[in-house]
Structures are given as C-alpha cells and as structure tokens.
Amino acid sequence: MARDSYTDTRRGFPTLALQVQKVLQRPLNGLLIIFRGRRIDVVKVIRHDG
C-alpha cells in the first residue's frame, strides 16, 4: 500500500506504528513502513520483525 503524502516526522515511533495499525486494521507483522516528511530528505522507517 503506497500513499503519496507526508507525515509529521515529529511524531515518535509508537505513535506512527499505532497510526499504521489503525489504517491497516491489523498488526505490523513483517511489514516495512516508510514515512516521509514534508521535505523529501526526512524519513522515518518502521520495521516489525515479530
């Protein structure tokens, strides 16, 4: 699932992970999620390895 939008990178990883779980309505098992800020050079990556 790819989205062409940005996120507030001031948020912490727990908040971002909860946001993903709410959208997907399932746990993060095995997913790699990449968030980008308004500036393209700012990213945060969440990887859930179980």
C-alpha atoms as a PDB file:
ATOM      1  CA  MET A   1       0.000   0.000   0.000  1.00  0.00           C
ATOM      2  CA  ALA A   2       1.686   3.202  -1.114  1.00  0.00           C
ATOM      3  CA  ARG A   3       0.448   6.677  -0.368  1.00  0.00           C
ATOM      4  CA  ASP A   4       1.671   9.907  -1.897  1.00  0.00           C
ATOM      5  CA  SER A   5       1.558  12.062   1.191  1.00  0.00           C
ATOM      6  CA  TYR A   6       3.717  13.210   4.046  1.00  0.00           C
ATOM      7  CA  THR A   7       3.546  12.796   7.798  1.00  0.00           C
ATOM      8  CA  ASP A   8       4.532  14.857  10.792  1.00  0.00           C
ATOM      9  CA  THR A   9       8.007  13.443  11.478  1.00  0.00           C
ATOM     10  CA  ARG A  10       7.991  14.987  14.950  1.00  0.00           C
ATOM     11  CA  ARG A  11       5.800  12.071  15.999  1.00  0.00           C
ATOM     12  CA  GLY A  12       7.527   9.225  17.778  1.00  0.00           C
ATOM     13  CA  PHE A  13       7.715   5.655  16.522  1.00  0.00           C
ATOM     14  CA  PRO A  14       4.984   4.314  18.863  1.00  0.00           C
ATOM     15  CA  THR A  15       2.534   6.937  17.582  1.00  0.00           C
ATOM     16  CA  LEU A  16       3.424   6.237  13.952  1.00  0.00           C
ATOM     17  CA  ALA A  17       3.066   2.482  14.476  1.00  0.00           C
ATOM     18  CA  LEU A  18      -0.362   2.959  16.053  1.00  0.00           C
ATOM     19  CA  GLN A  19      -1.396   5.143  13.109  1.00  0.00           C
ATOM     20  CA  VAL A  20      -0.421   2.361  10.673  1.00  0.00           C
ATOM     21  CA  GLN A  21      -2.275  -0.289  12.682  1.00  0.00           C
ATOM     22  CA  LYS A  22      -5.431   1.833  12.651  1.00  0.00           C
ATOM     23  CA  VAL A  23      -5.277   2.345   8.879  1.00  0.00           C
ATOM     24  CA  LEU A  24      -4.450  -1.281   8.039  1.00  0.00           C
ATOM     25  CA  GLN A  25      -6.630  -2.697  10.849  1.00  0.00           C
ATOM     26  CA  ARG A  26      -4.082  -5.428  11.545  1.00  0.00           C
ATOM     27  CA  PRO A  27      -0.713  -5.879  13.304  1.00  0.00           C
ATOM     28  CA  LEU A  28       2.530  -4.805  11.646  1.00  0.00           C
ATOM     29  CA  ASN A  29       3.912  -8.357  11.325  1.00  0.00           C
ATOM     30  CA  GLY A  30       6.551  -8.482   8.592  1.00  0.00           C
ATOM     31  CA  LEU A  31       5.922  -5.001   7.223  1.00  0.00           C
ATOM     32  CA  LEU A  32       8.373  -2.250   6.376  1.00  0.00           C
ATOM     33  CA  ILE A  33       6.714   1.162   6.626  1.00  0.00           C
ATOM     34  CA  ILE A  34       8.437   4.319   5.381  1.00  0.00           C
ATOM     35  CA  PHE A  35       7.204   7.747   6.416  1.00  0.00           C
ATOM     36  CA  ARG A  36       8.462  10.875   4.730  1.00  0.00           C
ATOM     37  CA  GLY A  37       8.295  14.410   5.986  1.00  0.00           C
ATOM     38  CA  ARG A  38       7.242  17.458   4.043  1.00  0.00           C
ATOM     39  CA  ARG A  39      10.871  17.750   2.943  1.00  0.00           C
ATOM     40  CA  ILE A  40      11.820  14.694   0.916  1.00  0.00           C
ATOM     41  CA  ASP A  41      15.149  14.294   2.751  1.00  0.00           C
ATOM     42  CA  VAL A  42      13.447  13.472   6.088  1.00  0.00           C
ATOM     43  CA  VAL A  43      12.247   9.883   6.524  1.00  0.00           C
ATOM     44  CA  LYS A  44      11.408   7.500   9.362  1.00  0.00           C
ATOM     45  CA  VAL A  45      11.270   3.744   8.853  1.00  0.00           C
ATOM     46  CA  ILE A  46       9.420   1.193  10.981  1.00  0.00           C
ATOM     47  CA  ARG A  47      10.198  -2.486  10.551  1.00  0.00           C
ATOM     48  CA  HIS A  48       8.346  -5.060  12.592  1.00  0.00           C
ATOM     49  CA  ASP A  49      10.149  -8.381  12.883  1.00  0.00           C
ATOM     50  CA  GLY A  50       7.730 -10.097  15.210  1.00  0.00           C
END
